[in-house]
Structures are given as structure tokens and as C-alpha cells.
N, C-alpha and C. Protein backbone atom coordinates (compact mmCIF):
# COMPACT_ATOMS: atom_id res chain seq x y z
N MET A 1 102.00 -15.98 65.35
CA MET A 1 101.66 -14.97 64.41
C MET A 1 102.04 -15.35 62.99
N SER A 2 103.13 -15.96 62.80
CA SER A 2 103.55 -16.37 61.46
C SER A 2 102.63 -17.42 60.90
N ARG A 3 101.99 -18.13 61.79
CA ARG A 3 101.06 -19.16 61.35
C ARG A 3 99.82 -18.52 60.71
N ASN A 4 99.32 -17.43 61.20
CA ASN A 4 98.15 -16.75 60.66
C ASN A 4 98.44 -16.13 59.30
N ARG A 5 99.68 -15.67 59.12
CA ARG A 5 100.02 -15.05 57.84
C ARG A 5 100.10 -16.08 56.74
N SER A 6 100.53 -17.23 56.97
CA SER A 6 100.65 -18.24 55.93
C SER A 6 99.34 -18.98 55.70
N HIS A 7 98.42 -18.84 56.57
CA HIS A 7 97.14 -19.52 56.40
C HIS A 7 96.40 -19.09 55.13
N PRO A 8 96.19 -17.80 54.79
CA PRO A 8 95.54 -17.45 53.53
C PRO A 8 96.36 -17.92 52.33
N HIS A 9 97.63 -17.89 52.41
CA HIS A 9 98.47 -18.35 51.31
C HIS A 9 98.33 -19.86 51.12
N ALA A 10 98.21 -20.57 52.21
CA ALA A 10 98.05 -22.01 52.13
C ALA A 10 96.71 -22.38 51.52
N ILE A 11 95.67 -21.64 51.81
CA ILE A 11 94.34 -21.92 51.25
C ILE A 11 94.34 -21.65 49.75
N LEU A 12 94.95 -20.52 49.33
CA LEU A 12 94.97 -20.17 47.91
C LEU A 12 95.83 -21.12 47.10
N SER A 13 96.84 -21.67 47.67
CA SER A 13 97.72 -22.56 46.91
C SER A 13 97.35 -24.03 47.07
N SER A 14 96.29 -24.33 47.73
CA SER A 14 95.90 -25.73 47.89
C SER A 14 95.33 -26.26 46.57
N PRO A 15 95.46 -27.54 46.29
CA PRO A 15 94.96 -28.13 45.04
C PRO A 15 93.44 -28.00 44.89
N ILE A 16 92.71 -28.07 45.96
CA ILE A 16 91.26 -27.96 45.88
C ILE A 16 90.86 -26.56 45.42
N THR A 17 91.50 -25.54 45.95
CA THR A 17 91.20 -24.17 45.56
C THR A 17 91.56 -23.95 44.10
N LEU A 18 92.68 -24.49 43.66
CA LEU A 18 93.08 -24.34 42.26
C LEU A 18 92.11 -25.06 41.32
N ILE A 19 91.61 -26.21 41.69
CA ILE A 19 90.64 -26.94 40.87
C ILE A 19 89.32 -26.17 40.81
N LEU A 20 88.88 -25.63 41.92
CA LEU A 20 87.66 -24.83 41.94
C LEU A 20 87.82 -23.57 41.07
N ALA A 21 88.95 -22.93 41.14
CA ALA A 21 89.21 -21.74 40.34
C ALA A 21 89.22 -22.11 38.85
N LEU A 22 89.76 -23.26 38.50
CA LEU A 22 89.79 -23.72 37.11
C LEU A 22 88.37 -24.00 36.61
N ILE A 23 87.54 -24.60 37.45
CA ILE A 23 86.15 -24.88 37.08
C ILE A 23 85.39 -23.57 36.85
N VAL A 24 85.56 -22.60 37.71
CA VAL A 24 84.91 -21.30 37.56
C VAL A 24 85.40 -20.63 36.27
N LEU A 25 86.68 -20.72 35.99
CA LEU A 25 87.26 -20.13 34.78
C LEU A 25 86.66 -20.79 33.52
N ILE A 26 86.49 -22.10 33.55
CA ILE A 26 85.90 -22.80 32.41
C ILE A 26 84.45 -22.35 32.20
N PHE A 27 83.67 -22.24 33.27
CA PHE A 27 82.28 -21.78 33.14
C PHE A 27 82.22 -20.36 32.59
N LEU A 28 83.10 -19.49 33.06
CA LEU A 28 83.13 -18.11 32.56
C LEU A 28 83.53 -18.05 31.08
N ALA A 29 84.48 -18.90 30.69
CA ALA A 29 84.91 -18.92 29.29
C ALA A 29 83.78 -19.41 28.38
N ARG A 30 83.06 -20.44 28.82
CA ARG A 30 81.93 -20.93 28.03
C ARG A 30 80.83 -19.88 27.90
N ALA A 31 80.54 -19.19 28.99
CA ALA A 31 79.51 -18.15 28.96
C ALA A 31 79.93 -17.02 28.02
N THR A 32 81.21 -16.65 28.06
CA THR A 32 81.71 -15.60 27.17
C THR A 32 81.62 -16.04 25.71
N ALA A 33 81.94 -17.29 25.41
CA ALA A 33 81.85 -17.80 24.04
C ALA A 33 80.40 -17.80 23.56
N LYS A 34 79.46 -18.17 24.41
CA LYS A 34 78.05 -18.16 24.03
C LYS A 34 77.56 -16.74 23.75
N ILE A 35 77.98 -15.80 24.58
CA ILE A 35 77.57 -14.41 24.37
C ILE A 35 78.15 -13.89 23.07
N TYR A 36 79.41 -14.21 22.78
CA TYR A 36 80.04 -13.77 21.53
C TYR A 36 79.32 -14.35 20.31
N THR A 37 78.95 -15.63 20.39
CA THR A 37 78.23 -16.28 19.28
C THR A 37 76.87 -15.62 19.08
N LYS A 38 76.15 -15.35 20.16
CA LYS A 38 74.85 -14.71 20.05
C LYS A 38 74.98 -13.29 19.49
N ALA A 39 76.02 -12.58 19.88
CA ALA A 39 76.23 -11.23 19.36
C ALA A 39 76.53 -11.27 17.86
N SER A 40 77.32 -12.24 17.42
CA SER A 40 77.62 -12.37 15.99
C SER A 40 76.36 -12.72 15.21
N ASP A 41 75.58 -13.66 15.72
CA ASP A 41 74.32 -14.03 15.06
C ASP A 41 73.37 -12.84 15.01
N GLY A 42 73.32 -12.08 16.07
CA GLY A 42 72.46 -10.90 16.11
C GLY A 42 72.88 -9.86 15.08
N ALA A 43 74.19 -9.68 14.90
CA ALA A 43 74.67 -8.72 13.90
C ALA A 43 74.30 -9.17 12.49
N ILE A 44 74.39 -10.46 12.23
CA ILE A 44 74.02 -10.99 10.91
C ILE A 44 72.52 -10.81 10.68
N ARG A 45 71.72 -11.11 11.69
CA ARG A 45 70.27 -10.94 11.56
C ARG A 45 69.89 -9.47 11.37
N LEU A 46 70.60 -8.59 12.04
CA LEU A 46 70.34 -7.15 11.89
C LEU A 46 70.63 -6.70 10.46
N ASP A 47 71.76 -7.16 9.90
CA ASP A 47 72.08 -6.81 8.51
C ASP A 47 71.02 -7.35 7.55
N THR A 48 70.58 -8.58 7.77
CA THR A 48 69.55 -9.17 6.92
C THR A 48 68.24 -8.39 7.04
N ALA A 49 67.88 -8.03 8.25
CA ALA A 49 66.64 -7.27 8.46
C ALA A 49 66.73 -5.90 7.80
N ARG A 50 67.88 -5.27 7.87
CA ARG A 50 68.04 -3.96 7.21
C ARG A 50 67.92 -4.07 5.70
N SER A 51 68.53 -5.10 5.12
CA SER A 51 68.43 -5.27 3.67
C SER A 51 66.99 -5.61 3.27
N ASP A 52 66.31 -6.43 4.07
CA ASP A 52 64.90 -6.73 3.80
C ASP A 52 64.04 -5.47 3.89
N LEU A 53 64.33 -4.63 4.87
CA LEU A 53 63.58 -3.39 5.03
C LEU A 53 63.79 -2.47 3.82
N ALA A 54 65.04 -2.36 3.36
CA ALA A 54 65.32 -1.52 2.20
C ALA A 54 64.60 -2.05 0.96
N ARG A 55 64.62 -3.38 0.79
CA ARG A 55 63.94 -3.99 -0.35
C ARG A 55 62.44 -3.75 -0.28
N MET A 56 61.85 -3.88 0.89
CA MET A 56 60.42 -3.67 1.04
C MET A 56 60.04 -2.20 0.88
N GLU A 57 60.90 -1.30 1.33
CA GLU A 57 60.62 0.13 1.12
C GLU A 57 60.64 0.47 -0.36
N ASN A 58 61.59 -0.12 -1.11
CA ASN A 58 61.63 0.10 -2.56
C ASN A 58 60.37 -0.46 -3.22
N LYS A 59 59.95 -1.63 -2.78
CA LYS A 59 58.74 -2.23 -3.34
C LYS A 59 57.52 -1.38 -3.02
N GLN A 60 57.47 -0.85 -1.80
CA GLN A 60 56.36 0.02 -1.41
C GLN A 60 56.33 1.28 -2.28
N ALA A 61 57.51 1.86 -2.53
CA ALA A 61 57.56 3.06 -3.37
C ALA A 61 57.10 2.74 -4.79
N ASP A 62 57.53 1.58 -5.32
CA ASP A 62 57.08 1.18 -6.65
C ASP A 62 55.57 0.99 -6.70
N LEU A 63 55.02 0.34 -5.68
CA LEU A 63 53.57 0.12 -5.64
C LEU A 63 52.81 1.43 -5.51
N GLN A 64 53.34 2.37 -4.73
CA GLN A 64 52.69 3.67 -4.60
C GLN A 64 52.72 4.41 -5.94
N ASN A 65 53.84 4.32 -6.66
CA ASN A 65 53.92 4.95 -7.99
C ASN A 65 52.91 4.31 -8.94
N ARG A 66 52.78 3.00 -8.86
CA ARG A 66 51.82 2.29 -9.72
C ARG A 66 50.39 2.69 -9.37
N ILE A 67 50.09 2.82 -8.08
CA ILE A 67 48.75 3.24 -7.65
C ILE A 67 48.46 4.64 -8.17
N GLN A 68 49.43 5.54 -8.07
CA GLN A 68 49.24 6.90 -8.58
C GLN A 68 49.01 6.88 -10.08
N SER A 69 49.75 6.02 -10.78
CA SER A 69 49.59 5.92 -12.23
C SER A 69 48.20 5.39 -12.58
N LEU A 70 47.73 4.40 -11.83
CA LEU A 70 46.43 3.80 -12.13
C LEU A 70 45.26 4.67 -11.65
N SER A 71 45.55 5.74 -10.95
CA SER A 71 44.47 6.62 -10.51
C SER A 71 44.08 7.62 -11.60
N THR A 72 44.82 7.62 -12.71
CA THR A 72 44.48 8.50 -13.83
C THR A 72 43.97 7.66 -15.00
N THR A 73 43.22 8.28 -15.87
CA THR A 73 42.68 7.58 -17.05
C THR A 73 43.81 7.14 -17.97
N GLU A 74 44.81 8.01 -18.14
CA GLU A 74 45.94 7.66 -19.01
C GLU A 74 46.70 6.46 -18.47
N GLY A 75 46.86 6.41 -17.15
CA GLY A 75 47.57 5.30 -16.53
C GLY A 75 46.83 3.98 -16.70
N ILE A 76 45.51 4.03 -16.54
CA ILE A 76 44.70 2.82 -16.72
C ILE A 76 44.79 2.35 -18.16
N GLU A 77 44.68 3.29 -19.09
CA GLU A 77 44.76 2.94 -20.52
C GLU A 77 46.12 2.35 -20.86
N ALA A 78 47.19 2.94 -20.35
CA ALA A 78 48.53 2.43 -20.62
C ALA A 78 48.71 1.02 -20.05
N SER A 79 48.15 0.80 -18.86
CA SER A 79 48.26 -0.52 -18.25
C SER A 79 47.51 -1.57 -19.06
N ILE A 80 46.31 -1.23 -19.53
CA ILE A 80 45.52 -2.18 -20.34
C ILE A 80 46.24 -2.46 -21.65
N ARG A 81 46.78 -1.41 -22.29
CA ARG A 81 47.50 -1.60 -23.55
C ARG A 81 48.72 -2.51 -23.36
N GLU A 82 49.44 -2.30 -22.26
CA GLU A 82 50.64 -3.10 -22.00
C GLU A 82 50.31 -4.55 -21.67
N LYS A 83 49.32 -4.73 -20.82
CA LYS A 83 49.01 -6.07 -20.34
C LYS A 83 48.31 -6.92 -21.40
N TYR A 84 47.35 -6.32 -22.12
CA TYR A 84 46.54 -7.09 -23.05
C TYR A 84 46.86 -6.79 -24.52
N HIS A 85 47.85 -5.96 -24.77
CA HIS A 85 48.23 -5.58 -26.15
C HIS A 85 47.01 -5.07 -26.91
N ALA A 86 46.26 -4.24 -26.23
CA ALA A 86 45.01 -3.73 -26.80
C ALA A 86 45.28 -2.47 -27.62
N ILE A 87 44.41 -2.24 -28.61
CA ILE A 87 44.47 -1.02 -29.42
C ILE A 87 43.07 -0.45 -29.51
N GLU A 88 43.00 0.83 -29.79
CA GLU A 88 41.71 1.48 -29.96
C GLU A 88 41.23 1.28 -31.39
N PRO A 89 39.94 1.38 -31.61
CA PRO A 89 39.42 1.26 -32.98
C PRO A 89 40.07 2.32 -33.88
N GLY A 90 40.51 1.88 -35.05
CA GLY A 90 41.14 2.77 -36.00
C GLY A 90 42.65 2.80 -35.91
N GLU A 91 43.23 2.25 -34.85
CA GLU A 91 44.69 2.21 -34.73
C GLU A 91 45.22 0.99 -35.47
N LEU A 92 46.46 1.10 -35.90
CA LEU A 92 47.13 0.00 -36.58
C LEU A 92 48.27 -0.50 -35.72
N VAL A 93 48.60 -1.77 -35.87
CA VAL A 93 49.69 -2.36 -35.11
C VAL A 93 50.82 -2.68 -36.08
N ALA A 94 52.01 -2.29 -35.73
CA ALA A 94 53.19 -2.61 -36.53
C ALA A 94 54.00 -3.67 -35.79
N VAL A 95 54.32 -4.75 -36.49
CA VAL A 95 55.12 -5.81 -35.91
C VAL A 95 56.50 -5.73 -36.54
N ILE A 96 57.51 -5.52 -35.74
CA ILE A 96 58.88 -5.39 -36.23
C ILE A 96 59.60 -6.69 -35.95
N VAL A 97 60.15 -7.29 -37.01
CA VAL A 97 60.84 -8.57 -36.88
C VAL A 97 62.30 -8.35 -37.22
N ASN A 98 63.16 -8.83 -36.39
CA ASN A 98 64.59 -8.76 -36.64
C ASN A 98 64.96 -9.91 -37.56
N THR A 99 65.37 -9.61 -38.79
CA THR A 99 65.64 -10.68 -39.76
C THR A 99 66.88 -11.48 -39.39
N ASP A 100 67.84 -10.87 -38.71
CA ASP A 100 69.02 -11.63 -38.29
C ASP A 100 68.63 -12.72 -37.31
N THR A 101 67.76 -12.41 -36.38
CA THR A 101 67.29 -13.40 -35.41
C THR A 101 66.45 -14.46 -36.10
N ALA A 102 65.62 -14.06 -37.06
CA ALA A 102 64.76 -15.02 -37.75
C ALA A 102 65.58 -16.02 -38.54
N THR A 103 66.65 -15.60 -39.19
CA THR A 103 67.46 -16.54 -39.96
C THR A 103 68.26 -17.45 -39.05
N LYS A 104 68.63 -16.96 -37.87
CA LYS A 104 69.39 -17.80 -36.95
C LYS A 104 68.49 -18.83 -36.27
N THR A 105 67.26 -18.42 -35.96
CA THR A 105 66.40 -19.35 -35.23
C THR A 105 65.68 -20.32 -36.14
N ASN A 106 65.21 -19.85 -37.31
CA ASN A 106 64.47 -20.73 -38.20
C ASN A 106 64.74 -20.29 -39.65
N PRO A 107 65.70 -20.90 -40.31
CA PRO A 107 66.06 -20.47 -41.65
C PRO A 107 64.96 -20.72 -42.67
N ILE A 108 64.03 -21.61 -42.41
CA ILE A 108 62.97 -21.92 -43.38
C ILE A 108 62.00 -20.76 -43.47
N GLU A 109 61.66 -20.14 -42.30
CA GLU A 109 60.70 -19.06 -42.30
C GLU A 109 61.23 -17.81 -42.99
N SER A 110 62.53 -17.64 -43.10
CA SER A 110 63.07 -16.43 -43.69
C SER A 110 63.10 -16.50 -45.22
N ARG A 111 62.88 -17.67 -45.82
CA ARG A 111 62.85 -17.82 -47.27
C ARG A 111 61.51 -17.34 -47.82
N PRO A 112 61.51 -16.80 -49.01
CA PRO A 112 60.22 -16.44 -49.61
C PRO A 112 59.43 -17.70 -49.93
N ASP A 113 58.13 -17.60 -49.88
CA ASP A 113 57.28 -18.76 -50.08
C ASP A 113 57.01 -18.95 -51.58
N ASP A 114 57.90 -19.67 -52.25
CA ASP A 114 57.71 -19.97 -53.66
C ASP A 114 57.54 -21.48 -53.84
N SER A 115 57.00 -22.13 -52.83
CA SER A 115 56.83 -23.58 -52.88
C SER A 115 55.47 -23.98 -53.43
N ALA A 116 54.72 -23.07 -54.00
CA ALA A 116 53.38 -23.38 -54.47
C ALA A 116 53.40 -24.39 -55.62
N GLY A 117 54.41 -24.30 -56.48
CA GLY A 117 54.44 -25.20 -57.62
C GLY A 117 55.25 -26.45 -57.39
N LEU A 118 55.76 -26.68 -56.18
CA LEU A 118 56.61 -27.84 -55.89
C LEU A 118 55.76 -29.01 -55.42
N SER A 119 56.24 -30.21 -55.70
CA SER A 119 55.56 -31.40 -55.21
C SER A 119 55.83 -31.55 -53.72
N TRP A 120 55.09 -32.45 -53.08
CA TRP A 120 55.27 -32.64 -51.65
C TRP A 120 56.67 -33.14 -51.34
N TRP A 121 57.25 -33.94 -52.23
CA TRP A 121 58.60 -34.47 -52.02
C TRP A 121 59.63 -33.34 -52.11
N GLN A 122 59.47 -32.45 -53.07
CA GLN A 122 60.39 -31.33 -53.20
C GLN A 122 60.26 -30.38 -52.01
N GLN A 123 59.05 -30.20 -51.54
CA GLN A 123 58.84 -29.36 -50.35
C GLN A 123 59.50 -29.99 -49.12
N PHE A 124 59.38 -31.31 -48.98
CA PHE A 124 60.01 -32.02 -47.87
C PHE A 124 61.52 -31.86 -47.92
N LEU A 125 62.10 -32.05 -49.11
CA LEU A 125 63.56 -31.90 -49.26
C LEU A 125 63.98 -30.46 -48.95
N ARG A 126 63.17 -29.52 -49.30
CA ARG A 126 63.47 -28.12 -49.02
C ARG A 126 63.44 -27.85 -47.51
N VAL A 127 62.48 -28.45 -46.82
CA VAL A 127 62.37 -28.26 -45.37
C VAL A 127 63.58 -28.82 -44.65
N ILE A 128 64.07 -29.97 -45.04
CA ILE A 128 65.22 -30.55 -44.35
C ILE A 128 66.53 -29.97 -44.86
N GLY A 129 66.46 -29.06 -45.84
CA GLY A 129 67.66 -28.33 -46.26
C GLY A 129 68.40 -28.93 -47.41
N LEU A 130 67.80 -29.81 -48.19
CA LEU A 130 68.46 -30.41 -49.35
C LEU A 130 67.99 -29.83 -50.64
């Protein structure tokens, strides 16, 4: 009878059983690591898809607003004026120039044009700043 009781213990403690248990444990650990990696990748893809969806919904709302605007005469006229800088007959265009920017970008253009009586050499010296 004592021999039967030690038999299951002997099988569980044998080196072959321990090696098989280690192999099964390694396979389970690898499978768990793969599932964890796939779950992490899936969460990242889900966040990306949600941000893309929000961006596309905003774009759709903008396009719908633009379509509504272009469905009226005033909207079409405003779009043509903006895109082609068009004016109606009889309207005047005012061009506003920032003089601070003009002097910083091109100091020659900001000077009054009094070079009519200068020779070409004097005009050249004036252009190069002498």
C-alpha cells in the first residue's frame, strides 16, 4: 500500500515531468506575451482611429458649412471675391501697406522717387546704399 501512495509523488518529481512542465510553462508565457503585445497595439490603433474620426468629423462639419454658404448668392459672391480678389463695377480697392515692414524688407522702395534728375551712376550708388 505504501508503494501506491508514493507512485504519484514519484511521477511528479521525476526529471522528465519537470522538463515537460517547464516546456509547457514556456509556451504559455510566450502566448501570454504575444497576447499582451497585440492588446497594446490594438489600444494604440484604437486611439489613432478615434483621433482620425474626430478630425474627419470636423472636416465634414466644415465642408457642410461651406456647402451651406455656397448655396446662397451672398456666399458664392464672397467666395469669388476671396478667391479671385474680384470687385464689382464701380467699387474701389484700397491697398494698405505697412511702412515698417516695407522699410525692413526693402529700404529702397520706401524712399521717395526723386531720382529723375540723377545720372545712371548716381542712381546705381543710391541703389547700393552709398
